[in-house]
Amino acid sequence: MIKHELTTLLNKLRVLTIPMKDVPSATVLVMVNAGSRYEDLDNHGIAHFQEHMFFKGGKKYRNAKEVAEATDAMGAISNAFTGKDRVGYWIKSAAGKVEKAVDILADSLRHAAFKTKDINTERGVILEELNMYEDMPQRMVLDKFEELIFGDQPLGRDIGGTRESVRQIQRHHFIDYKDNLYTPDNIVLCVAGGVSHHKIVGLAKKYFAGLVGEKRVEFAPYVPMVAPREFVKDKKTEQTHLVVGSESYADPDERKYALSLLTEILGGSMSSRMFQTIRNKYGLAYYVQTFAEGVQDTGVFVTRLGVDNARVDLAIQAVMQEYKKAVKGSPITQGELKRAKGTVRGQLLLSFEDSSSVANFYARQESLYNKIESIGTVLKKVEAVTLEDIRAVARDLLQPTKMSLAVIGPMGKKSFSKLLKF
């Protein structure tokens, strides 16, 4: 079983490694607790914008071209991501090239120049990214659903910002955000793959020891709210996209293991209830999926699907009927629970064949909670879920009074809230 090692440097930067014997590659991941939850209306979108700017060069690799050439020269791939509660920058390369990967990431993070010219250029890129998402209702409907659930607070706002907020961001916003959050005590340097912990600690000292400062801000606590039940956007599309779900459990909540199995049973795979009923039996949708996501203090549970514009009512009713069956008419069976455990176990183990998945799994836990559950521990907790555990979660979450609905399609001013019932 995979084991991890952790060392904290004198500047409080945490160095986390997951050596993977006989794996020829390595993923170097720098994870920062600096997602969109740390924003306010004045700098909405800065976390995502800053992620883009760190690839524009630093001191050693002076511009985006030099960063790209250094990465390409060693046959590596690189990318970054921005979430609600964290930002990550990673390079995956041959294990023997790991020092170069650490060097590139350290230079980009420590010495980002935030040149006004680069900011203005990248602003245009991000505005086009927002335009692209506007043309992707399958994605947009999820963002609108989170707005329903979380309202006008950071968790309810689009990670990318708005066109107006992105246009307002200036150089001082980047400097302030970096000084406040990109501090060694708020960063985890994680390397997974064919590496040794001793070597990575040495590289961390070489390239990150000069990073100083302490985290200055925390995100505003989430305030639970009575979410509006419905969002309907009239948009000319070939297919209507919708989300039916509710607020759910925070990531640290131990019920998340039962919830992961419930989502698998309801709509996690081709053998799931939603897939068999909505797609195979009634032919209402091409894609249908149920899933849950949690952050430190709350979460969401959703079923999403794309349906024929003339059959939206039937689709919503079908989703609600599956929720009702799980609570009342056809509770989860022992056979379904056994199959779901096998699926979740298999998917997790398969993901651990890739060093980037391993790095994300461990770095996220250490970054957010200063505590790591190994894959073995997670698998044991999944296996320990009982039939009553999963039924209790179903009874708690799958209630009409908790449901909200987001719809994007050529709907005019039509309302569907009356369908959110058993």
Protein backbone atom coordinates (compact mmCIF):
# COMPACT_ATOMS: atom_id res chain seq x y z
CA MET A 1 0.00 0.00 0.00
CA ILE A 2 1.18 3.52 -0.81
CA LYS A 3 2.68 5.45 2.09
CA HIS A 4 3.45 9.13 2.42
CA GLU A 5 6.13 11.16 4.17
CA LEU A 6 5.85 14.72 5.45
CA THR A 7 8.46 17.28 6.48
CA THR A 8 7.85 20.90 7.50
CA LEU A 9 10.64 23.32 6.62
CA LEU A 10 11.79 26.12 8.94
CA ASN A 11 9.65 28.61 6.99
CA LYS A 12 6.63 26.29 7.65
CA LEU A 13 6.25 25.11 4.07
CA ARG A 14 5.10 21.49 4.11
CA VAL A 15 6.89 18.98 1.88
CA LEU A 16 4.79 15.92 1.19
CA THR A 17 5.96 12.95 -0.87
CA ILE A 18 4.32 9.74 -1.94
CA PRO A 19 7.05 7.48 -3.32
CA MET A 20 5.66 5.06 -5.93
CA LYS A 21 8.06 2.22 -6.54
CA ASP A 22 8.84 1.42 -10.18
CA VAL A 23 6.84 4.41 -11.48
CA PRO A 24 9.01 6.23 -14.06
CA SER A 25 7.16 9.56 -13.78
CA ALA A 26 6.61 12.11 -11.04
CA THR A 27 4.05 14.85 -10.47
CA VAL A 28 5.16 18.00 -8.68
CA LEU A 29 2.15 19.81 -7.27
CA VAL A 30 2.14 23.11 -5.40
CA MET A 31 -1.19 23.51 -3.60
CA VAL A 32 -2.27 26.76 -1.94
CA ASN A 33 -5.31 27.50 0.22
CA ALA A 34 -6.23 30.43 -1.98
CA GLY A 35 -9.40 29.65 -3.87
CA SER A 36 -12.38 31.84 -4.64
CA ARG A 37 -13.68 31.65 -1.05
CA TYR A 38 -11.00 34.16 -0.14
CA GLU A 39 -12.40 36.81 -2.47
CA ASP A 40 -14.83 39.66 -1.98
CA LEU A 41 -16.76 41.74 -4.50
CA ASP A 42 -13.77 44.05 -4.97
CA ASN A 43 -11.51 41.28 -6.28
CA HIS A 44 -14.00 38.67 -7.49
CA GLY A 45 -12.18 36.37 -9.92
CA ILE A 46 -8.67 37.15 -8.66
CA ALA A 47 -7.87 33.55 -7.62
CA HIS A 48 -8.49 32.25 -11.13
CA PHE A 49 -6.90 35.29 -12.81
CA GLN A 50 -3.81 34.88 -10.63
CA GLU A 51 -3.54 31.22 -11.60
CA HIS A 52 -3.21 32.37 -15.23
CA MET A 53 -0.64 35.02 -14.36
CA PHE A 54 1.79 32.66 -12.66
CA PHE A 55 2.58 31.12 -16.03
CA LYS A 56 3.72 34.49 -17.38
CA GLY A 57 7.24 34.15 -16.02
CA GLY A 58 9.35 35.12 -13.05
CA LYS A 59 13.05 35.83 -12.54
CA LYS A 60 14.78 32.85 -14.16
CA TYR A 61 12.09 32.01 -16.72
CA ARG A 62 11.22 35.56 -17.69
CA ASN A 63 8.07 35.19 -19.74
CA ALA A 64 5.38 32.72 -20.76
CA LYS A 65 7.44 31.54 -23.75
CA GLU A 66 10.45 30.66 -21.59
CA VAL A 67 8.27 28.83 -19.07
CA ALA A 68 6.65 26.83 -21.88
CA GLU A 69 9.97 26.06 -23.56
CA ALA A 70 11.54 24.85 -20.30
CA THR A 71 8.57 22.55 -19.68
CA ASP A 72 8.42 21.24 -23.23
CA ALA A 73 12.18 20.64 -23.38
CA MET A 74 11.93 17.97 -20.70
CA GLY A 75 8.85 16.32 -22.28
CA ALA A 76 6.63 17.34 -19.39
CA ILE A 77 3.03 18.47 -19.15
CA SER A 78 1.83 21.24 -16.87
CA ASN A 79 -1.42 22.81 -15.82
CA ALA A 80 -3.20 24.50 -12.94
CA PHE A 81 -6.64 24.63 -11.37
CA THR A 82 -8.66 26.98 -9.19
CA GLY A 83 -11.33 25.76 -6.80
CA LYS A 84 -13.46 27.25 -4.07
CA ASP A 85 -10.89 26.55 -1.36
CA ARG A 86 -7.58 25.84 -3.08
CA VAL A 87 -5.40 26.53 -6.12
CA GLY A 88 -2.94 24.06 -7.59
CA TYR A 89 -0.02 24.25 -10.01
CA TRP A 90 1.56 21.06 -11.31
CA ILE A 91 4.12 19.60 -13.68
CA LYS A 92 4.26 15.92 -14.56
CA SER A 93 7.54 14.70 -15.97
CA ALA A 94 9.98 11.81 -16.03
CA ALA A 95 11.12 11.16 -12.47
CA GLY A 96 14.67 12.11 -13.40
CA LYS A 97 13.49 15.62 -14.37
CA VAL A 98 11.83 16.40 -11.05
CA GLU A 99 14.37 19.09 -10.05
CA LYS A 100 13.63 21.09 -13.18
CA ALA A 101 9.90 20.86 -12.44
CA VAL A 102 10.42 22.16 -8.89
CA ASP A 103 12.64 24.93 -10.25
CA ILE A 104 10.04 26.11 -12.77
CA LEU A 105 7.19 26.12 -10.26
CA ALA A 106 9.22 27.83 -7.56
CA ASP A 107 10.37 30.57 -9.91
CA SER A 108 6.83 31.15 -11.18
CA LEU A 109 5.32 31.39 -7.71
CA ARG A 110 8.07 33.24 -5.89
CA HIS A 111 8.97 35.77 -8.55
CA ALA A 112 5.81 36.39 -10.56
CA ALA A 113 6.19 39.84 -12.08
CA PHE A 114 2.53 40.69 -12.77
CA LYS A 115 3.45 43.00 -15.61
CA THR A 116 0.66 45.35 -16.59
CA LYS A 117 1.04 44.37 -20.24
CA ASP A 118 0.63 40.68 -19.37
CA ILE A 119 -2.35 41.42 -17.12
CA ASN A 120 -4.16 43.24 -19.89
CA THR A 121 -3.39 40.50 -22.41
CA GLU A 122 -4.54 37.73 -20.09
CA ARG A 123 -7.65 39.70 -19.16
CA GLY A 124 -8.76 39.27 -22.76
CA VAL A 125 -8.08 35.53 -22.54
CA ILE A 126 -10.19 35.20 -19.40
CA LEU A 127 -13.04 37.23 -20.85
CA GLU A 128 -13.06 34.82 -23.79
CA GLU A 129 -13.01 31.91 -21.34
CA LEU A 130 -16.11 33.35 -19.67
CA ASN A 131 -17.72 33.73 -23.10
CA MET A 132 -16.90 30.09 -23.83
CA TYR A 133 -18.61 28.92 -20.65
CA GLU A 134 -21.63 31.05 -21.54
CA ASP A 135 -21.94 28.82 -24.60
CA MET A 136 -21.66 25.65 -22.46
CA PRO A 137 -25.04 25.32 -20.70
CA GLN A 138 -24.08 21.88 -19.40
CA ARG A 139 -21.47 23.58 -17.24
CA MET A 140 -23.27 26.85 -16.61
CA VAL A 141 -26.30 25.15 -15.10
CA LEU A 142 -24.12 23.74 -12.31
CA ASP A 143 -22.79 27.22 -11.51
CA LYS A 144 -26.33 28.59 -11.40
CA PHE A 145 -27.39 25.77 -9.12
CA GLU A 146 -24.63 26.68 -6.65
CA GLU A 147 -25.83 30.29 -6.77
CA LEU A 148 -29.25 29.02 -5.71
CA ILE A 149 -27.82 27.02 -2.82
CA PHE A 150 -25.22 29.45 -1.49
CA GLY A 151 -26.53 32.84 -2.53
CA ASP A 152 -24.54 36.06 -2.69
CA GLN A 153 -21.47 34.91 -0.78
CA PRO A 154 -18.16 33.58 -2.14
CA LEU A 155 -19.32 29.95 -2.37
CA GLY A 156 -22.21 31.03 -4.56
CA ARG A 157 -20.17 33.10 -7.00
CA ASP A 158 -18.58 31.87 -10.21
CA ILE A 159 -14.91 31.01 -9.69
CA GLY A 160 -13.97 32.80 -12.91
CA GLY A 161 -15.60 36.05 -11.84
CA THR A 162 -17.87 38.15 -14.02
CA ARG A 163 -16.98 40.24 -17.05
CA GLU A 164 -17.35 43.34 -14.91
CA SER A 165 -15.20 42.09 -12.02
CA VAL A 166 -12.45 40.77 -14.31
CA ARG A 167 -12.27 44.12 -16.09
CA GLN A 168 -11.76 45.88 -12.73
CA ILE A 169 -8.85 43.76 -11.49
CA GLN A 170 -5.54 45.65 -11.49
CA ARG A 171 -1.93 44.89 -10.61
CA HIS A 172 -2.31 45.76 -6.92
CA HIS A 173 -4.99 43.09 -6.55
CA PHE A 174 -2.50 40.41 -7.61
CA ILE A 175 0.23 41.67 -5.28
CA ASP A 176 -2.14 41.88 -2.31
CA TYR A 177 -3.60 38.43 -2.96
CA LYS A 178 -0.16 36.87 -3.32
CA ASP A 179 1.22 38.55 -0.17
CA ASN A 180 -1.83 37.54 1.84
CA LEU A 181 -2.11 33.90 0.79
CA TYR A 182 0.92 32.63 -1.15
CA THR A 183 2.95 32.24 2.03
CA PRO A 184 4.96 29.17 3.04
CA ASP A 185 2.67 28.25 5.92
CA ASN A 186 -0.23 28.14 3.46
CA ILE A 187 1.48 26.01 0.79
CA VAL A 188 2.03 22.28 0.37
CA LEU A 189 4.70 21.07 -2.04
CA CYS A 190 3.64 17.54 -2.94
CA VAL A 191 5.55 15.13 -5.18
CA ALA A 192 4.21 11.69 -6.10
CA GLY A 193 5.97 9.12 -8.26
CA GLY A 194 9.42 7.61 -8.65
CA VAL A 195 11.14 9.86 -6.10
CA SER A 196 12.65 9.73 -2.63
CA HIS A 197 11.49 11.94 0.22
CA HIS A 198 15.04 12.90 1.10
CA LYS A 199 15.72 14.23 -2.41
CA ILE A 200 12.49 16.28 -2.54
CA VAL A 201 13.12 17.83 0.86
CA GLY A 202 16.55 18.90 -0.41
CA LEU A 203 15.00 20.45 -3.52
CA ALA A 204 12.36 22.23 -1.41
CA LYS A 205 15.08 23.78 0.74
CA LYS A 206 17.02 24.82 -2.35
CA TYR A 207 14.14 26.43 -4.23
CA PHE A 208 11.57 27.41 -1.58
CA ALA A 209 13.56 28.20 1.58
CA GLY A 210 13.69 31.87 0.59
CA LEU A 211 9.91 32.13 0.60
CA VAL A 212 8.80 34.02 3.71
CA GLY A 213 5.67 35.47 5.29
CA GLU A 214 2.56 34.26 7.07
CA LYS A 215 -1.01 33.86 5.92
CA ARG A 216 -2.89 37.10 6.61
CA VAL A 217 -6.53 36.40 5.75
CA GLU A 218 -9.18 33.73 6.24
CA PHE A 219 -12.33 33.21 4.24
CA ALA A 220 -15.62 34.46 5.62
CA PRO A 221 -17.62 31.69 7.30
CA TYR A 222 -20.40 30.22 5.21
CA VAL A 223 -23.82 31.42 6.31
CA PRO A 224 -26.57 28.82 5.70
CA MET A 225 -29.53 30.27 3.88
CA VAL A 226 -32.94 29.31 2.63
CA ALA A 227 -32.05 28.82 -1.00
CA PRO A 228 -34.44 29.93 -3.76
CA ARG A 229 -35.98 26.78 -5.12
CA GLU A 230 -35.67 27.53 -8.79
CA PHE A 231 -33.55 29.19 -11.48
CA VAL A 232 -34.74 29.13 -15.09
CA LYS A 233 -32.71 30.77 -17.88
CA ASP A 234 -34.40 31.14 -21.22
CA LYS A 235 -31.70 30.34 -23.79
CA LYS A 236 -31.91 29.04 -27.32
CA THR A 237 -30.37 25.57 -27.12
CA GLU A 238 -30.87 22.25 -28.86
CA GLN A 239 -31.19 20.52 -25.51
CA THR A 240 -32.35 21.65 -22.06
CA HIS A 241 -29.86 21.17 -19.24
CA LEU A 242 -31.05 20.86 -15.67
CA VAL A 243 -29.85 20.14 -12.15
CA VAL A 244 -32.03 18.84 -9.32
CA GLY A 245 -30.48 18.65 -5.85
CA SER A 246 -29.85 20.12 -2.45
CA GLU A 247 -27.28 21.38 0.00
CA SER A 248 -25.31 18.44 1.37
CA TYR A 249 -22.56 17.46 3.80
CA ALA A 250 -19.26 19.17 4.46
CA ASP A 251 -16.13 17.34 3.39
CA PRO A 252 -15.08 16.39 6.95
CA ASP A 253 -18.51 14.85 7.67
CA GLU A 254 -18.13 11.10 8.07
CA ARG A 255 -21.45 10.59 6.28
CA LYS A 256 -19.64 11.41 3.04
CA TYR A 257 -18.72 7.72 2.65
CA ALA A 258 -22.35 6.64 2.72
CA LEU A 259 -23.17 9.57 0.45
CA SER A 260 -20.56 8.49 -2.11
CA LEU A 261 -22.21 5.09 -2.27
CA LEU A 262 -25.70 6.60 -2.53
CA THR A 263 -24.66 8.79 -5.46
CA GLU A 264 -23.11 5.76 -7.15
CA ILE A 265 -26.33 3.78 -6.75
CA LEU A 266 -28.53 6.63 -7.93
CA GLY A 267 -26.53 7.95 -10.87
CA GLY A 268 -22.85 7.16 -10.78
CA SER A 269 -22.55 4.61 -13.57
CA MET A 270 -24.39 2.81 -16.37
CA SER A 271 -25.91 0.31 -13.92
CA SER A 272 -27.27 3.08 -11.67
CA ARG A 273 -30.96 3.68 -11.09
CA MET A 274 -31.07 7.04 -12.87
CA PHE A 275 -29.23 5.73 -15.93
CA GLN A 276 -31.37 2.62 -16.21
CA THR A 277 -34.67 4.49 -15.79
CA ILE A 278 -34.13 7.90 -17.37
CA ARG A 279 -31.92 6.83 -20.26
CA ASN A 280 -32.51 3.14 -20.92
CA LYS A 281 -36.20 2.80 -19.99
CA TYR A 282 -37.67 6.15 -21.02
CA GLY A 283 -35.00 7.54 -23.37
CA LEU A 284 -35.27 10.97 -21.76
CA ALA A 285 -31.57 11.90 -21.69
CA TYR A 286 -28.22 11.08 -23.23
CA TYR A 287 -26.27 12.03 -20.12
CA VAL A 288 -27.50 11.69 -16.55
CA GLN A 289 -25.28 11.78 -13.49
CA THR A 290 -25.67 12.01 -9.72
CA PHE A 291 -22.76 13.22 -7.60
CA ALA A 292 -21.87 15.13 -4.44
CA GLU A 293 -19.06 17.54 -3.60
CA GLY A 294 -18.04 18.93 -0.23
CA VAL A 295 -15.93 21.80 1.05
CA GLN A 296 -14.86 22.47 4.63
CA ASP A 297 -18.26 23.53 5.95
CA THR A 298 -20.95 22.50 3.46
CA GLY A 299 -21.55 20.69 0.18
CA VAL A 300 -23.94 19.98 -2.67
CA PHE A 301 -25.80 16.88 -3.86
CA VAL A 302 -27.07 16.94 -7.45
CA THR A 303 -28.46 15.00 -10.34
CA ARG A 304 -27.78 16.65 -13.68
CA LEU A 305 -29.01 15.72 -17.14
CA GLY A 306 -29.64 17.02 -20.65
CA VAL A 307 -33.07 16.37 -22.15
CA ASP A 308 -35.22 17.08 -25.17
CA ASN A 309 -36.69 20.57 -24.91
CA ALA A 310 -40.22 19.18 -25.03
CA ARG A 311 -39.71 16.62 -22.24
CA VAL A 312 -38.31 18.66 -19.36
CA ASP A 313 -41.35 18.09 -17.14
CA LEU A 314 -41.10 14.33 -17.59
CA ALA A 315 -37.37 14.39 -16.80
CA ILE A 316 -37.80 16.35 -13.55
CA GLN A 317 -40.62 14.03 -12.50
CA ALA A 318 -38.46 11.00 -13.27
CA VAL A 319 -35.61 12.31 -11.12
CA MET A 320 -37.96 13.04 -8.24
CA GLN A 321 -39.49 9.59 -8.58
CA GLU A 322 -36.07 7.99 -8.22
CA TYR A 323 -35.44 10.11 -5.14
CA LYS A 324 -38.80 9.00 -3.75
CA LYS A 325 -38.10 5.33 -4.43
CA ALA A 326 -34.79 5.53 -2.57
CA VAL A 327 -36.61 6.97 0.46
CA LYS A 328 -39.96 5.20 0.42
CA GLY A 329 -40.98 2.79 -2.28
CA SER A 330 -37.78 0.94 -3.17
CA PRO A 331 -35.06 1.50 -0.55
CA ILE A 332 -31.44 0.67 -1.29
CA THR A 333 -30.81 -3.08 -1.24
CA GLN A 334 -27.87 -5.08 0.06
CA GLY A 335 -27.04 -6.11 -3.51
CA GLU A 336 -26.92 -2.49 -4.68
CA LEU A 337 -24.74 -1.53 -1.75
CA LYS A 338 -22.31 -4.38 -2.47
CA ARG A 339 -22.04 -3.39 -6.16
CA ALA A 340 -21.55 0.27 -5.28
CA LYS A 341 -18.74 -0.57 -2.87
CA GLY A 342 -17.03 -2.56 -5.59
CA THR A 343 -17.35 0.31 -8.06
CA VAL A 344 -16.08 2.99 -5.66
CA ARG A 345 -13.21 0.75 -4.54
CA GLY A 346 -12.21 -0.06 -8.10
CA GLN A 347 -12.35 3.53 -9.33
CA LEU A 348 -10.23 4.76 -6.44
CA LEU A 349 -7.61 2.06 -6.95
CA LEU A 350 -7.47 2.71 -10.69
CA SER A 351 -6.95 6.42 -10.09
CA PHE A 352 -3.89 5.57 -8.01
CA GLU A 353 -2.09 4.28 -11.07
CA ASP A 354 -1.49 7.92 -12.03
CA SER A 355 0.95 10.05 -10.05
CA SER A 356 -1.06 13.24 -10.60
CA SER A 357 -4.18 11.69 -9.03
CA VAL A 358 -2.11 10.48 -6.09
CA ALA A 359 -0.58 13.92 -5.58
CA ASN A 360 -3.99 15.57 -5.60
CA PHE A 361 -5.47 13.02 -3.20
CA TYR A 362 -2.79 13.58 -0.57
CA ALA A 363 -2.08 17.29 -1.08
CA ARG A 364 -5.72 18.28 -0.77
CA GLN A 365 -6.05 16.61 2.62
CA GLU A 366 -2.83 18.02 4.01
CA SER A 367 -3.50 21.48 2.59
CA LEU A 368 -7.03 21.83 3.94
CA TYR A 369 -6.97 19.76 7.12
CA ASN A 370 -3.35 19.10 8.14
CA LYS A 371 -4.39 15.47 8.33
CA ILE A 372 -4.18 12.64 5.83
CA GLU A 373 -6.29 9.53 5.52
CA SER A 374 -4.48 6.94 3.41
CA ILE A 375 -6.21 5.16 0.56
CA GLY A 376 -6.35 2.10 2.82
CA THR A 377 -8.21 4.04 5.50
CA VAL A 378 -10.65 5.46 2.97
CA LEU A 379 -11.36 2.01 1.55
CA LYS A 380 -11.99 0.63 5.05
CA LYS A 381 -14.46 3.43 5.78
CA VAL A 382 -16.28 2.81 2.51
CA GLU A 383 -16.43 -0.90 3.27
CA ALA A 384 -17.80 -0.20 6.78
CA VAL A 385 -20.90 1.64 5.48
CA THR A 386 -24.04 -0.27 6.37
CA LEU A 387 -27.41 -0.47 4.68
CA GLU A 388 -28.92 1.65 7.45
CA ASP A 389 -26.16 4.28 7.02
CA ILE A 390 -26.97 4.74 3.36
CA ARG A 391 -30.73 4.68 3.91
CA ALA A 392 -30.37 7.34 6.62
CA VAL A 393 -28.49 9.61 4.20
CA ALA A 394 -31.19 9.04 1.58
CA ARG A 395 -33.94 9.94 4.05
CA ASP A 396 -32.04 13.06 5.08
CA LEU A 397 -31.13 14.49 1.67
CA LEU A 398 -33.78 13.25 -0.76
CA GLN A 399 -36.63 15.34 0.60
CA PRO A 400 -38.77 17.60 -1.63
CA THR A 401 -38.53 20.42 0.93
CA LYS A 402 -34.75 20.48 0.45
CA MET A 403 -34.72 20.44 -3.35
CA SER A 404 -33.67 23.25 -5.65
CA LEU A 405 -33.74 23.25 -9.43
CA ALA A 406 -31.69 24.99 -12.13
CA VAL A 407 -32.76 24.87 -15.79
CA ILE A 408 -31.21 26.34 -18.95
CA GLY A 409 -33.04 26.02 -22.24
CA PRO A 410 -35.72 27.60 -24.46
CA MET A 411 -38.25 27.78 -21.65
CA GLY A 412 -39.61 31.30 -21.86
CA LYS A 413 -40.92 32.25 -18.42
CA LYS A 414 -42.03 28.75 -17.49
CA SER A 415 -41.72 27.56 -13.88
CA PHE A 416 -41.07 23.97 -12.80
CA SER A 417 -40.98 24.27 -9.00
CA LYS A 418 -44.35 22.55 -8.67
CA LEU A 419 -42.70 19.34 -9.89
CA LEU A 420 -40.29 19.18 -6.93
CA LYS A 421 -42.54 16.92 -4.91
CA PHE A 422 -43.26 13.27 -4.21
